[in-house]
Amino acid sequence: MTLQSRADNRQAWIDRIQRFEQAGQTVAQFCLAEGISQVSFYQWRRKLRPAADDAPSKVARFVPVSLHQGNLPSPTAVMSVELPGGIRVRLEVTSSETPRS
């Protein structure tokens, strides 16, 4: 497939999805009328969905965190962060100084 035919195919799907949004039909009805599979329709709709559809609350962001050592034994678990999917990040502070007696 050439670069131009890919661009034409992409534009055809953009036009098709716009027609669907104005058609007032179910996906099944629209796909039958267009002669396309529902699987292709959903794949292209997902592929062409604007990035603006992603809600800011769904975007993972990292923020700087300062951890103050003080006179802590080495190592000391200071913080544990649980992420989606059961991933846990454990932050430890190690003292670079020799503990005072």
Protein backbone atom coordinates (compact mmCIF):
# COMPACT_ATOMS: atom_id res chain seq x y z
CA MET A 1 0.00 0.00 0.00
CA THR A 2 1.46 3.36 -1.03
CA LEU A 3 1.65 6.39 1.23
CA GLN A 4 -1.07 8.12 -0.79
CA SER A 5 -3.43 5.15 -0.67
CA ARG A 6 -2.90 4.93 3.11
CA ALA A 7 -3.80 8.61 3.42
CA ASP A 8 -6.86 8.06 1.21
CA ASN A 9 -7.93 5.05 3.30
CA ARG A 10 -7.50 7.03 6.52
CA GLN A 11 -9.56 9.91 5.13
CA ALA A 12 -12.26 7.49 3.99
CA TRP A 13 -12.52 6.17 7.56
CA ILE A 14 -12.61 9.69 9.01
CA ASP A 15 -15.50 10.49 6.65
CA ARG A 16 -17.23 7.20 7.44
CA ILE A 17 -17.06 7.74 11.21
CA GLN A 18 -18.43 11.27 10.79
CA ARG A 19 -21.32 9.82 8.77
CA PHE A 20 -21.97 7.30 11.55
CA GLU A 21 -22.13 10.06 14.17
CA GLN A 22 -24.83 11.81 12.13
CA ALA A 23 -26.72 8.66 11.01
CA GLY A 24 -28.63 7.88 14.18
CA GLN A 25 -28.10 4.15 13.63
CA THR A 26 -26.59 1.42 15.73
CA VAL A 27 -23.07 0.32 14.83
CA ALA A 28 -24.48 -2.95 13.46
CA GLN A 29 -26.99 -1.14 11.20
CA PHE A 30 -24.42 1.36 9.98
CA CYS A 31 -21.77 -1.29 9.23
CA LEU A 32 -24.28 -3.41 7.31
CA ALA A 33 -25.32 -0.41 5.21
CA GLU A 34 -21.65 0.54 4.57
CA GLY A 35 -20.57 -3.03 3.82
CA ILE A 36 -17.87 -3.05 6.49
CA SER A 37 -17.22 -5.24 9.52
CA GLN A 38 -17.98 -4.04 13.01
CA VAL A 39 -14.47 -5.07 14.07
CA SER A 40 -12.94 -2.75 11.46
CA PHE A 41 -15.29 0.03 12.48
CA TYR A 42 -14.31 -0.19 16.16
CA GLN A 43 -10.60 -0.47 15.36
CA TRP A 44 -10.65 2.61 13.15
CA ARG A 45 -12.81 4.60 15.55
CA ARG A 46 -10.37 3.86 18.37
CA LYS A 47 -7.38 4.68 16.14
CA LEU A 48 -8.86 7.99 14.99
CA ARG A 49 -10.24 9.09 18.36
CA PRO A 50 -8.82 12.52 19.16
CA ALA A 51 -6.32 12.73 22.00
CA ALA A 52 -8.67 15.26 23.64
CA ASP A 53 -10.96 12.35 24.56
CA ASP A 54 -8.42 11.25 27.17
CA ALA A 55 -9.52 12.79 30.42
CA PRO A 56 -6.69 14.51 32.30
CA SER A 57 -7.54 12.44 35.38
CA LYS A 58 -6.60 9.26 33.48
CA VAL A 59 -3.12 10.49 32.61
CA ALA A 60 -0.42 9.25 34.97
CA ARG A 61 1.84 12.03 36.11
CA PHE A 62 4.91 12.10 38.28
CA VAL A 63 5.60 14.89 40.71
CA PRO A 64 8.84 15.66 42.54
CA VAL A 65 9.02 14.47 46.13
CA SER A 66 11.65 15.50 48.66
CA LEU A 67 12.59 13.03 51.36
CA HIS A 68 14.58 14.33 54.31
CA GLN A 69 17.05 11.90 55.83
CA GLY A 70 17.78 13.18 59.32
CA ASN A 71 19.43 10.54 61.52
CA LEU A 72 17.67 7.44 60.25
CA PRO A 73 19.00 3.91 60.42
CA SER A 74 20.01 2.51 57.05
CA PRO A 75 17.88 1.57 55.09
CA THR A 76 14.54 2.92 56.30
CA ALA A 77 11.38 2.51 54.24
CA VAL A 78 9.84 5.95 53.98
CA MET A 79 7.09 5.65 51.42
CA SER A 80 5.22 3.05 49.41
CA VAL A 81 3.18 3.96 46.32
CA GLU A 82 0.67 1.53 44.81
CA LEU A 83 0.05 1.82 41.07
CA PRO A 84 -2.68 0.28 38.91
CA GLY A 85 -2.12 -3.38 38.13
CA GLY A 86 -0.81 -4.17 41.61
CA ILE A 87 2.59 -2.55 41.11
CA ARG A 88 4.09 -1.17 44.30
CA VAL A 89 6.99 1.30 44.36
CA ARG A 90 8.91 1.44 47.62
CA LEU A 91 11.13 4.43 48.31
CA GLU A 92 13.91 4.06 50.85
CA VAL A 93 16.22 6.59 52.42
CA THR A 94 19.71 5.52 53.29
CA SER A 95 21.82 7.59 55.60
CA SER A 96 25.18 8.65 54.23
CA GLU A 97 26.38 9.56 57.73
CA THR A 98 27.49 7.17 60.42
CA PRO A 99 24.81 7.03 63.15
CA ARG A 100 25.81 8.78 66.38
CA SER A 101 26.14 6.68 69.52
